[in-house]
Every structure is written in structure tokens, then in C-alpha cells.
């Protein structure tokens, strides 16, 4: 899946006639990091995909699946459906609004597998809302650790370094809305 996203990323960048250095500068990351995203060998953070979709003026679903969104009044995502993206073995995302044209927010159902790795922190423009549906998560935001249980939710400034980890050796699932 990452290879296909990388190809679309490269094609969209070429279509607006920007170099990899210009795109890296525009998105606030190192050139080498951006170039590694375009190879498809490195995991592209979902929040970065959302940022790129805004720059390219395309729906997130275009970068993820290659399909144009067409729904303008409403879009239904049935249980177990939605555009699926497996960023890594630890994180699986399901885009819940991938068919809605010009969505103002990007809702994902995210599954986090338990692992012993340290929390990977990232940042992105805007804000984020998470609602825990199953399991427990350790969420780190700007150096503060917060434990969230089923039914808990959090709204935060996504420009602050943040990341999460499933707790109790069980997978966790949550609704994430990136604004």
C-alpha cells in the first residue's frame, strides 16, 4: 500500500512542478525524509498524508486509494468497510469518509497493536480528537502521559508532539478525527 501512495505522491508533486526540496520545505520536513516517503520504503504518517492532501487540493482518499471521492450530500461507511491503510504492523487506519468530496475533517478508525517499542511522536497542523472504542491507550502529548480507557476521549493541539501505545498487551481501537 505504501508503494502505491508513494507513486501518487510523486505524480501529484510532479503535476504541480515542485522539486522534492521545495515540497519538503513547504511541509516543514527534511528533504531526505520527504524523498524516503516518495520511495514507498518508509512509512508515511497519516497526519502527513492529510497535510499533503490539503497542499495538493485533493481528498485524502485520492492519496490513499487513488480513487476520487464523489459523494456530496452524505457518505455511508458500513461496519468493517472504509479505505484501509496499514502504515506499519503496529497501526492500521480505516478512512471513514473516503468517499465524501471535500470533507472538512478526516475521520479514521485506528487499531493499535501491542508492542514493546517506545512511543513514536509526530506532529501535524491542526487539531485531533480521539475516542477510545476498545482497549486502553497510553497517549503522550507534549511530554505528558495520559492513560485513556474505553469510552474516554481527548481533543488536543496536534502541533504538539504526540503518539500512542496500546496497553495491557491488548490491541486498542479508537476513532481519530483530524481537523
Protein backbone atom coordinates (compact mmCIF):
# COMPACT_ATOMS: atom_id res chain seq x y z
CA UNK A 1 0.00 0.00 0.00
CA UNK A 2 2.80 2.47 0.83
CA UNK A 3 4.38 1.96 -2.63
CA UNK A 4 1.11 2.97 -4.32
CA UNK A 5 0.71 6.01 -2.06
CA UNK A 6 4.32 6.98 -2.79
CA UNK A 7 3.66 6.78 -6.55
CA UNK A 8 0.59 9.00 -6.26
CA UNK A 9 2.57 11.42 -4.08
CA UNK A 10 5.36 11.62 -6.65
CA UNK A 11 2.86 12.08 -9.50
CA UNK A 12 0.96 14.85 -7.73
CA UNK A 13 4.20 16.65 -6.84
CA UNK A 14 5.35 16.41 -10.45
CA UNK A 15 1.98 17.71 -11.66
CA UNK A 16 2.43 20.97 -9.74
CA UNK A 17 6.05 21.17 -10.84
CA UNK A 18 7.72 21.18 -7.42
CA UNK A 19 11.07 19.60 -6.60
CA UNK A 20 11.42 17.26 -3.63
CA UNK A 21 13.33 20.05 -1.84
CA UNK A 22 10.51 22.54 -2.45
CA UNK A 23 7.89 20.05 -1.22
CA UNK A 24 9.94 19.27 1.89
CA UNK A 25 10.27 22.98 2.65
CA UNK A 26 6.55 23.57 2.03
CA UNK A 27 5.64 20.80 4.50
CA UNK A 28 8.34 21.57 7.06
CA UNK A 29 10.32 18.33 6.92
CA UNK A 30 13.86 17.37 5.90
CA UNK A 31 14.44 16.72 2.18
CA UNK A 32 15.79 13.24 2.92
CA UNK A 33 12.65 12.38 4.89
CA UNK A 34 10.40 13.57 2.09
CA UNK A 35 12.40 11.67 -0.51
CA UNK A 36 12.16 8.49 1.59
CA UNK A 37 8.36 8.90 1.59
CA UNK A 38 8.37 9.01 -2.21
CA UNK A 39 10.26 5.70 -2.40
CA UNK A 40 7.48 3.88 -0.56
CA UNK A 41 10.06 2.14 1.64
CA UNK A 42 9.31 4.32 4.67
CA UNK A 43 6.01 4.63 6.48
CA UNK A 44 4.26 7.93 5.70
CA UNK A 45 2.47 9.21 8.82
CA UNK A 46 -1.28 9.51 8.29
CA UNK A 47 -1.28 13.09 9.50
CA UNK A 48 1.31 13.93 6.84
CA UNK A 49 -0.90 12.33 4.18
CA UNK A 50 -3.72 14.61 5.40
CA UNK A 51 -1.39 17.63 5.18
CA UNK A 52 -0.35 16.66 1.65
CA UNK A 53 -3.95 16.27 0.52
CA UNK A 54 -4.56 19.89 1.56
CA UNK A 55 -1.49 21.10 -0.34
CA UNK A 56 -2.46 19.15 -3.48
CA UNK A 57 -6.12 20.18 -3.04
CA UNK A 58 -7.31 16.58 -3.30
CA UNK A 59 -9.27 14.44 -0.89
CA UNK A 60 -7.25 12.23 1.43
CA UNK A 61 -8.84 9.22 -0.26
CA UNK A 62 -7.11 10.17 -3.53
CA UNK A 63 -3.68 9.79 -1.91
CA UNK A 64 -4.67 6.65 0.00
CA UNK A 65 -6.60 4.72 -2.65
CA UNK A 66 -6.20 6.58 -5.91
CA UNK A 67 -9.99 6.93 -6.16
CA UNK A 68 -11.79 10.26 -6.38
CA UNK A 69 -14.46 10.99 -3.81
CA UNK A 70 -17.86 11.76 -5.34
CA UNK A 71 -20.44 11.95 -2.52
CA UNK A 72 -21.55 15.49 -1.73
CA UNK A 73 -24.65 15.09 0.44
CA UNK A 74 -23.60 12.12 2.60
CA UNK A 75 -21.37 9.08 2.56
CA UNK A 76 -22.07 5.86 4.46
CA UNK A 77 -19.25 3.59 5.58
CA UNK A 78 -20.60 0.21 6.57
CA UNK A 79 -19.17 -1.77 9.50
CA UNK A 80 -15.79 -3.24 8.64
CA UNK A 81 -15.53 -1.13 5.48
CA UNK A 82 -13.70 2.04 4.57
CA UNK A 83 -10.41 2.62 2.83
CA UNK A 84 -7.85 0.61 4.77
CA UNK A 85 -4.25 1.67 5.25
CA UNK A 86 -1.74 -0.42 7.16
CA UNK A 87 1.04 2.03 7.91
CA UNK A 88 3.02 -0.49 9.91
CA UNK A 89 2.42 -3.66 11.86
CA UNK A 90 1.55 -1.51 14.89
CA UNK A 91 -1.01 0.84 13.28
CA UNK A 92 -3.94 0.13 10.96
CA UNK A 93 -6.11 3.01 9.75
CA UNK A 94 -9.56 2.83 8.15
CA UNK A 95 -10.69 6.06 6.45
CA UNK A 96 -14.36 6.50 7.31
CA UNK A 97 -15.13 9.42 4.97
CA UNK A 98 -13.07 8.42 1.94
CA UNK A 99 -15.99 8.80 -0.46
CA UNK A 100 -17.10 12.27 0.65
CA UNK A 101 -15.87 15.03 -1.62
CA UNK A 102 -14.12 17.98 0.10
CA UNK A 103 -14.53 16.65 3.64
CA UNK A 104 -13.59 19.28 6.25
CA UNK A 105 -12.28 16.66 8.69
CA UNK A 106 -10.72 13.23 8.25
CA UNK A 107 -12.18 10.51 10.50
CA UNK A 108 -10.25 7.27 10.90
CA UNK A 109 -10.87 4.10 12.84
CA UNK A 110 -7.39 3.27 14.14
CA UNK A 111 -6.23 -0.07 15.53
CA UNK A 112 -3.03 -0.10 17.56
CA UNK A 113 -1.36 -3.47 18.12
CA UNK A 114 0.54 -4.01 21.38
CA UNK A 115 4.35 -3.90 21.15
CA UNK A 116 7.38 -3.15 23.28
CA UNK A 117 8.65 -0.28 21.15
CA UNK A 118 8.89 3.23 22.58
CA UNK A 119 6.14 5.68 21.60
CA UNK A 120 6.86 7.31 18.25
CA UNK A 121 5.99 11.02 18.42
CA UNK A 122 4.79 13.11 15.50
CA UNK A 123 3.20 16.48 14.89
CA UNK A 124 0.90 17.89 12.25
CA UNK A 125 -1.06 21.07 11.65
CA UNK A 126 -4.48 21.44 13.21
CA UNK A 127 -6.24 19.59 15.96
CA UNK A 128 -7.20 15.99 16.67
CA UNK A 129 -9.99 14.21 18.50
CA UNK A 130 -9.66 10.60 19.74
CA UNK A 131 -12.45 8.45 21.25
CA UNK A 132 -11.36 5.07 22.65
CA UNK A 133 -13.66 2.31 21.47
CA UNK A 134 -11.78 -0.75 22.68
CA UNK A 135 -8.81 -1.36 24.98
CA UNK A 136 -6.52 1.15 26.68
CA UNK A 137 -4.01 3.59 25.25
CA UNK A 138 -1.07 5.44 26.68
CA UNK A 139 -1.10 8.77 24.89
CA UNK A 140 1.83 11.13 25.15
CA UNK A 141 1.22 14.77 24.28
CA UNK A 142 3.95 17.38 24.63
CA UNK A 143 5.78 15.34 27.29
CA UNK A 144 2.68 14.49 29.36
CA UNK A 145 1.46 10.89 29.56
CA UNK A 146 -2.29 10.25 29.69
CA UNK A 147 -3.97 6.84 30.00
CA UNK A 148 -7.25 6.56 28.11
CA UNK A 149 -9.73 3.72 28.67
CA UNK A 150 -12.78 2.58 26.67
CA UNK A 151 -15.24 5.45 26.36
CA UNK A 152 -12.65 8.15 27.16
CA UNK A 153 -11.95 10.87 24.64
CA UNK A 154 -9.41 13.61 24.16
CA UNK A 155 -9.19 16.72 21.97
CA UNK A 156 -5.75 18.22 21.50
CA UNK A 157 -3.45 20.57 19.60
CA UNK A 158 -1.83 18.29 17.02
CA UNK A 159 1.13 20.65 16.56
CA UNK A 160 2.38 19.35 19.92
CA UNK A 161 4.49 16.15 19.74
CA UNK A 162 2.13 13.22 20.29
CA UNK A 163 1.97 9.47 19.97
CA UNK A 164 0.30 6.44 21.49
CA UNK A 165 0.80 2.88 22.58
CA UNK A 166 -1.66 0.06 23.32
CA UNK A 167 -1.62 -1.06 26.96
CA UNK A 168 -2.16 -4.36 28.82
CA UNK A 169 -0.74 -6.39 25.92
CA UNK A 170 -4.06 -5.98 24.06
CA UNK A 171 -4.89 -4.16 20.85
CA UNK A 172 -6.70 -0.87 21.18
CA UNK A 173 -9.13 0.72 18.73
CA UNK A 174 -10.18 4.36 18.59
CA UNK A 175 -11.91 6.91 16.43
CA UNK A 176 -9.50 9.66 15.37
CA UNK A 177 -10.74 12.82 13.71
CA UNK A 178 -8.07 15.06 12.24
CA UNK A 179 -9.16 18.67 11.75
